[in-house]
Amino acid sequence: MQLGIVGLGRMGGNISRRLMRAGHQTVVYDRNPAATDALAKDGAAGAGGLADMVKQLAPPRAVWVMLPAGAITEATVNELAGLMQAGDVVIDGGNSYYKDDIRRAKALREKGLIYMDVGTSGGVFGLDRGYCMMIGGEEAAVRRLDPIFAALAPGIGDIERTPHREGRDPRAEQGYIHAGPAGAGHFVKMVHNGIEYGMMQAYAEGFDILHNKSSADLPEDERYTLNLTDVAEVWRRGSVVSSWLLDLTAMALAENDTLSNYEGAVADSGEGRWTVEAAIEEAVPAPVLAASLFARFRSRRQHTFADKLLSAMRAKFGGHAEAKIEGS
């Protein structure tokens, strides 16, 4: 199949490459010409702008927007809506707020266009590992683009099969789902990222407790100087707390066991706040997720070893830079 991709940053470029590996054709555009040229050298068709991209795509077209949530995505979707024809699909694969998706889908439907939101998880490792995708939009359009999603997904791999899934949607085992109508994909991804905040905070706090066991404030015979690099590694091997986040923690500690290459000012990218807001709207208690969000706010004023570990995990899975320190 043919797919247009707008935004060739940490994930957009690798989405194009993974699709081309599977035999699909991509037409790519980034406002940085060097990024477009790099993908063109890898086999994509480069576009000089959105109008040029739409011109190169055969109808019914599909364009995947992979840009930061907010004004830039809004402007790009609006511009595409003015260039595309009835039956074409606009996909937002970034981390937009799900209520924006609902609004956009209604606006594009009035023009005969189809809007789809795809919550995409996989970070900088997605090229080889594949992307976990949570899709919102019309069923027929999702089915039409299934070859694209199947190529991007990790596939069943060597993960142990879950018992009693007979008769259920097989796409979930492949690493992607049709979550529901417009907005549902980003809503599921939003909560996914909220959970991620909580899991990361739990690891960070636990390792901080281990780190401080040598504190002079403790009785001398209760002090331990623990090798956190080895602790992370052994927990990866058969422990009930093993996970990809722990794998990344072990990697960061093996590279620098003091994490002195991190300041510890931890950014939040929106989804954690939106998850807490959704919990408030639904009157669902979410103390762990709320506390993990507030911990990130605090990290920008006062930094602990836990904060450095959070920064290290974010850098490993998503290439995320640390937050700007307040007052600096």
Protein backbone atom coordinates (compact mmCIF):
# COMPACT_ATOMS: atom_id res chain seq x y z
CA MET A 1 0.00 0.00 0.00
CA GLN A 2 0.90 3.67 -0.25
CA LEU A 3 1.01 5.99 2.76
CA GLY A 4 1.96 9.63 3.22
CA ILE A 5 3.88 10.47 6.39
CA VAL A 6 4.23 14.00 7.75
CA GLY A 7 6.86 14.49 10.47
CA LEU A 8 10.06 12.45 10.31
CA GLY A 9 11.35 12.80 13.85
CA ARG A 10 12.14 10.09 16.41
CA MET A 11 9.21 7.90 15.35
CA GLY A 12 7.90 9.18 12.01
CA GLY A 13 11.07 8.38 10.11
CA ASN A 14 11.26 4.85 11.50
CA ILE A 15 7.58 4.25 10.76
CA SER A 16 8.38 4.98 7.12
CA ARG A 17 11.40 2.68 7.18
CA ARG A 18 9.49 -0.19 8.79
CA LEU A 19 6.73 0.10 6.20
CA MET A 20 9.23 0.10 3.35
CA ARG A 21 10.86 -3.01 4.81
CA ALA A 22 7.48 -4.70 4.46
CA GLY A 23 7.13 -3.64 0.83
CA HIS A 24 4.86 -0.61 1.26
CA GLN A 25 5.45 2.71 -0.48
CA THR A 26 5.78 5.92 1.52
CA VAL A 27 5.63 9.54 0.46
CA VAL A 28 7.29 11.62 3.16
CA TYR A 29 7.51 15.25 4.18
CA ASP A 30 9.19 17.15 6.99
CA ARG A 31 9.67 20.88 7.28
CA ASN A 32 13.36 20.07 7.70
CA PRO A 33 14.44 19.20 4.13
CA ALA A 34 17.38 17.15 5.42
CA ALA A 35 14.99 14.75 7.15
CA THR A 36 12.98 14.33 3.96
CA ASP A 37 16.15 13.78 1.93
CA ALA A 38 17.40 11.13 4.37
CA LEU A 39 14.22 9.09 3.94
CA ALA A 40 14.32 9.56 0.17
CA LYS A 41 17.80 8.01 0.17
CA ASP A 42 16.29 5.02 1.99
CA GLY A 43 13.68 4.56 -0.74
CA ALA A 44 10.79 6.85 0.17
CA ALA A 45 9.37 9.42 -2.22
CA GLY A 46 10.19 12.85 -0.85
CA ALA A 47 7.66 15.67 -1.00
CA GLY A 48 8.34 19.38 -0.98
CA GLY A 49 5.19 20.19 0.99
CA LEU A 50 1.75 18.90 1.87
CA ALA A 51 0.27 19.79 -1.52
CA ASP A 52 3.09 17.94 -3.27
CA MET A 53 2.54 14.94 -0.99
CA VAL A 54 -1.18 14.78 -1.74
CA LYS A 55 -0.42 15.06 -5.46
CA GLN A 56 1.93 12.06 -5.30
CA LEU A 57 -0.60 9.84 -3.49
CA ALA A 58 -3.16 7.82 -5.44
CA PRO A 59 -6.77 8.07 -4.16
CA PRO A 60 -8.16 6.95 -1.85
CA ARG A 61 -5.26 8.53 -0.01
CA ALA A 62 -4.05 8.03 3.54
CA VAL A 63 -1.71 10.47 5.30
CA TRP A 64 -0.19 9.73 8.71
CA VAL A 65 0.63 12.85 10.75
CA MET A 66 3.39 12.19 13.30
CA LEU A 67 3.91 15.55 14.98
CA PRO A 68 3.80 16.91 18.55
CA ALA A 69 0.31 17.40 19.94
CA GLY A 70 -1.06 20.91 19.75
CA ALA A 71 -0.89 23.75 17.27
CA ILE A 72 1.40 22.13 14.73
CA THR A 73 -0.76 19.01 14.46
CA GLU A 74 -3.94 21.10 14.33
CA ALA A 75 -2.57 23.27 11.51
CA THR A 76 -1.35 20.24 9.55
CA VAL A 77 -4.66 18.40 9.81
CA ASN A 78 -6.54 21.53 8.71
CA GLU A 79 -4.25 22.05 5.74
CA LEU A 80 -4.57 18.43 4.66
CA ALA A 81 -8.36 18.68 4.96
CA GLY A 82 -8.26 21.46 2.37
CA LEU A 83 -6.13 19.44 -0.03
CA MET A 84 -7.63 15.96 0.14
CA GLN A 85 -10.74 14.47 -1.47
CA ALA A 86 -13.79 12.58 -0.21
CA GLY A 87 -12.85 9.10 0.97
CA ASP A 88 -9.28 10.07 1.89
CA VAL A 89 -8.01 9.34 5.40
CA VAL A 90 -6.10 11.62 7.77
CA ILE A 91 -4.35 9.75 10.60
CA ASP A 92 -2.99 11.43 13.71
CA GLY A 93 -0.40 9.04 15.13
CA GLY A 94 0.95 11.45 17.76
CA ASN A 95 -0.31 11.97 21.29
CA SER A 96 -3.20 14.38 20.72
CA TYR A 97 -5.89 14.91 23.34
CA TYR A 98 -8.77 12.57 22.54
CA LYS A 99 -11.40 15.32 22.71
CA ASP A 100 -9.54 17.10 19.90
CA ASP A 101 -9.86 13.91 17.86
CA ILE A 102 -13.62 13.84 18.34
CA ARG A 103 -13.88 17.44 17.16
CA ARG A 104 -11.60 16.90 14.17
CA ALA A 105 -13.42 13.76 13.07
CA LYS A 106 -16.72 15.64 12.97
CA ALA A 107 -15.20 18.53 11.00
CA LEU A 108 -13.55 16.25 8.44
CA ARG A 109 -16.65 14.09 8.07
CA GLU A 110 -18.52 17.16 6.85
CA LYS A 111 -16.00 17.32 3.99
CA GLY A 112 -16.33 13.61 3.21
CA LEU A 113 -12.95 12.86 4.77
CA ILE A 114 -12.17 10.16 7.32
CA TYR A 115 -10.21 10.95 10.47
CA MET A 116 -8.39 8.29 12.45
CA ASP A 117 -6.38 8.54 15.68
CA VAL A 118 -3.66 6.00 16.36
CA GLY A 119 -2.07 5.92 19.79
CA THR A 120 1.41 4.63 19.00
CA SER A 121 3.84 3.15 21.52
CA GLY A 122 7.30 1.90 20.70
CA GLY A 123 9.57 4.90 20.90
CA VAL A 124 12.97 4.85 19.27
CA PHE A 125 13.02 1.03 19.28
CA GLY A 126 9.94 0.70 17.07
CA LEU A 127 11.84 0.19 13.82
CA ASP A 128 12.99 -3.26 14.93
CA ARG A 129 10.56 -4.11 17.73
CA GLY A 130 7.44 -2.83 16.02
CA TYR A 131 4.78 -0.45 17.33
CA CYS A 132 1.91 -1.20 19.69
CA MET A 133 -1.09 0.67 18.25
CA MET A 134 -4.48 1.67 19.65
CA ILE A 135 -6.72 2.85 16.80
CA GLY A 136 -9.79 5.06 16.85
CA GLY A 137 -11.98 5.62 13.81
CA GLU A 138 -14.51 4.09 11.44
CA GLU A 139 -14.40 0.30 11.19
CA ALA A 140 -14.36 0.21 7.38
CA ALA A 141 -11.41 2.61 7.18
CA VAL A 142 -9.47 0.69 9.82
CA ARG A 143 -10.01 -2.54 7.90
CA ARG A 144 -8.94 -0.89 4.66
CA LEU A 145 -5.63 0.18 6.20
CA ASP A 146 -5.05 -3.12 8.00
CA PRO A 147 -1.98 -3.99 5.88
CA ILE A 148 -0.32 -0.80 7.14
CA PHE A 149 -1.09 -1.52 10.78
CA ALA A 150 -0.08 -5.17 10.46
CA ALA A 151 3.28 -4.18 9.00
CA LEU A 152 3.97 -1.68 11.78
CA ALA A 153 2.85 -3.97 14.62
CA PRO A 154 5.34 -6.23 16.43
CA GLY A 155 3.50 -9.43 15.54
CA ILE A 156 2.92 -12.28 17.94
CA GLY A 157 6.65 -12.93 18.31
CA ASP A 158 7.77 -15.28 21.09
CA ILE A 159 5.45 -13.89 23.78
CA GLU A 160 3.53 -16.68 25.51
CA ARG A 161 -0.05 -16.92 24.27
CA THR A 162 -2.78 -15.82 26.71
CA PRO A 163 -5.11 -18.72 27.51
CA HIS A 164 -8.82 -18.59 26.60
CA ARG A 165 -8.53 -15.96 23.84
CA GLU A 166 -10.24 -18.22 21.32
CA GLY A 167 -12.81 -16.32 19.27
CA ARG A 168 -11.47 -12.90 20.20
CA ASP A 169 -10.02 -10.30 17.82
CA PRO A 170 -6.66 -11.73 16.67
CA ARG A 171 -5.24 -8.26 16.02
CA ALA A 172 -4.61 -7.71 19.74
CA GLU A 173 -2.12 -10.60 19.79
CA GLN A 174 -0.35 -9.00 16.84
CA GLY A 175 0.09 -5.74 18.77
CA TYR A 176 -2.75 -3.50 17.54
CA ILE A 177 -6.44 -3.00 18.22
CA HIS A 178 -9.38 -1.04 16.89
CA ALA A 179 -10.31 0.57 20.20
CA GLY A 180 -13.52 2.28 19.02
CA PRO A 181 -14.72 5.44 17.26
CA ALA A 182 -12.70 8.62 16.83
CA GLY A 183 -10.80 9.53 19.98
CA ALA A 184 -10.87 6.03 21.46
CA GLY A 185 -7.37 5.20 20.26
CA HIS A 186 -5.79 8.24 21.83
CA PHE A 187 -7.88 7.79 24.99
CA VAL A 188 -6.51 4.27 25.48
CA LYS A 189 -2.97 5.51 24.73
CA MET A 190 -3.46 8.40 27.16
CA VAL A 191 -4.30 6.01 30.00
CA HIS A 192 -1.43 3.75 28.89
CA ASN A 193 0.94 6.68 29.39
CA GLY A 194 -0.65 7.53 32.72
CA ILE A 195 0.04 3.97 33.88
CA GLU A 196 3.56 4.32 32.52
CA TYR A 197 4.07 7.33 34.83
CA GLY A 198 3.06 5.22 37.82
CA MET A 199 5.23 2.25 36.88
CA MET A 200 8.26 4.44 36.28
CA GLN A 201 7.74 6.23 39.59
CA ALA A 202 7.53 2.90 41.44
CA TYR A 203 10.84 1.73 39.97
CA ALA A 204 12.44 5.11 40.64
CA GLU A 205 11.35 5.23 44.28
CA GLY A 206 12.36 1.62 44.89
CA PHE A 207 15.85 2.14 43.51
CA ASP A 208 16.14 5.37 45.49
CA ILE A 209 15.46 3.40 48.69
CA LEU A 210 18.16 0.90 47.68
CA HIS A 211 20.52 3.76 46.80
CA ASN A 212 20.12 5.42 50.19
CA LYS A 213 20.61 2.26 52.28
CA SER A 214 24.21 3.35 52.87
CA SER A 215 23.06 6.62 54.48
CA ALA A 216 25.04 7.84 57.49
CA ASP A 217 21.69 8.53 59.16
CA LEU A 218 21.18 4.76 59.60
CA PRO A 219 22.76 2.61 62.33
CA GLU A 220 26.11 1.40 61.05
CA ASP A 221 25.16 -2.28 61.10
CA GLU A 222 22.04 -1.54 58.98
CA ARG A 223 23.93 0.19 56.18
CA TYR A 224 24.43 -1.64 52.90
CA THR A 225 26.27 -0.43 49.83
CA LEU A 226 24.19 -2.17 47.20
CA ASN A 227 25.18 -2.71 43.59
CA LEU A 228 22.13 -1.27 41.85
CA THR A 229 23.39 -2.33 38.43
CA ASP A 230 23.37 -5.96 39.55
CA VAL A 231 20.03 -5.57 41.36
CA ALA A 232 18.41 -4.31 38.15
CA GLU A 233 19.98 -7.13 36.18
CA VAL A 234 18.92 -9.91 38.54
CA TRP A 235 15.35 -8.56 38.68
CA ARG A 236 15.21 -8.87 34.90
CA ARG A 237 15.74 -12.61 35.24
CA GLY A 238 12.51 -14.30 36.33
CA SER A 239 11.29 -11.63 38.76
CA VAL A 240 7.61 -10.68 38.90
CA VAL A 241 8.63 -7.02 38.47
CA SER A 242 10.48 -7.64 35.20
CA SER A 243 9.45 -5.40 32.29
CA TRP A 244 10.84 -3.42 29.39
CA LEU A 245 11.11 -0.39 31.69
CA LEU A 246 13.30 -2.47 34.01
CA ASP A 247 15.38 -3.54 31.00
CA LEU A 248 15.98 0.13 30.20
CA THR A 249 16.80 0.85 33.85
CA ALA A 250 19.40 -1.92 33.83
CA MET A 251 20.86 -0.50 30.62
CA ALA A 252 21.14 3.02 32.06
CA LEU A 253 22.76 1.79 35.29
CA ALA A 254 25.22 -0.41 33.41
CA GLU A 255 26.32 2.64 31.40
CA ASN A 256 26.70 4.85 34.51
CA ASP A 257 25.78 3.45 37.92
CA THR A 258 25.62 6.91 39.53
CA LEU A 259 23.46 8.36 36.71
CA SER A 260 25.60 11.48 36.94
CA ASN A 261 24.88 12.13 33.27
CA TYR A 262 21.30 13.05 34.25
CA GLU A 263 20.15 16.15 36.12
CA GLY A 264 16.86 14.65 37.30
CA ALA A 265 14.44 17.32 36.03
CA VAL A 266 11.66 15.13 34.62
CA ALA A 267 9.30 16.44 31.95
CA ASP A 268 5.68 15.42 31.49
CA SER A 269 4.33 15.34 27.95
CA GLY A 270 0.61 15.85 28.57
CA GLU A 271 -0.88 12.37 28.72
CA GLY A 272 -0.28 12.02 32.47
CA ARG A 273 -2.18 15.24 33.14
CA TRP A 274 -5.00 14.22 30.81
CA THR A 275 -5.28 10.82 32.49
CA VAL A 276 -5.67 12.44 35.90
CA GLU A 277 -8.24 14.86 34.44
CA ALA A 278 -10.19 11.89 33.02
CA ALA A 279 -10.11 10.19 36.41
CA ILE A 280 -11.57 13.35 37.97
CA GLU A 281 -14.29 13.55 35.29
CA GLU A 282 -15.21 9.90 35.90
CA ALA A 283 -14.82 10.13 39.70
CA VAL A 284 -12.34 7.25 39.55
CA PRO A 285 -9.74 7.25 42.35
CA ALA A 286 -6.22 7.22 40.85
CA PRO A 287 -3.87 8.19 43.69
CA VAL A 288 -0.80 6.44 42.26
CA LEU A 289 -1.09 8.06 38.84
CA ALA A 290 -1.79 11.49 40.34
CA ALA A 291 1.15 11.22 42.73
CA SER A 292 3.50 10.17 39.94
CA LEU A 293 2.50 13.25 37.94
CA PHE A 294 3.04 15.56 40.91
CA ALA A 295 6.44 13.93 41.53
CA ARG A 296 7.53 15.09 38.09
CA PHE A 297 6.51 18.64 38.94
CA ARG A 298 8.57 18.46 42.14
CA SER A 299 11.58 17.06 40.26
CA ARG A 300 12.03 20.34 38.44
CA ARG A 301 12.76 22.09 41.75
CA GLN A 302 14.58 19.42 43.74
CA HIS A 303 16.35 16.41 42.22
CA THR A 304 16.83 12.97 43.76
CA PHE A 305 18.39 9.74 42.52
CA ALA A 306 14.84 8.62 41.73
CA ASP A 307 14.43 11.62 39.44
CA LYS A 308 17.64 10.77 37.62
CA LEU A 309 16.35 7.24 37.09
CA LEU A 310 13.09 8.59 35.67
CA SER A 311 15.07 10.79 33.28
CA ALA A 312 17.20 7.83 32.28
CA MET A 313 14.17 5.66 31.48
CA ARG A 314 12.57 8.42 29.40
CA ALA A 315 15.78 8.97 27.48
CA LYS A 316 16.13 5.26 26.78
CA PHE A 317 12.63 4.47 25.51
CA GLY A 318 11.80 7.72 23.76
CA GLY A 319 14.94 9.78 23.37
CA HIS A 320 13.27 12.40 25.57
CA ALA A 321 15.36 15.33 26.79
CA GLU A 322 15.18 16.40 30.39
CA ALA A 323 12.90 19.22 31.42
CA LYS A 324 14.21 22.76 31.62
CA ILE A 325 14.99 23.48 35.26
CA GLU A 326 12.87 26.25 36.72
CA GLY A 327 14.87 29.38 37.40
CA SER A 328 17.75 28.39 35.14
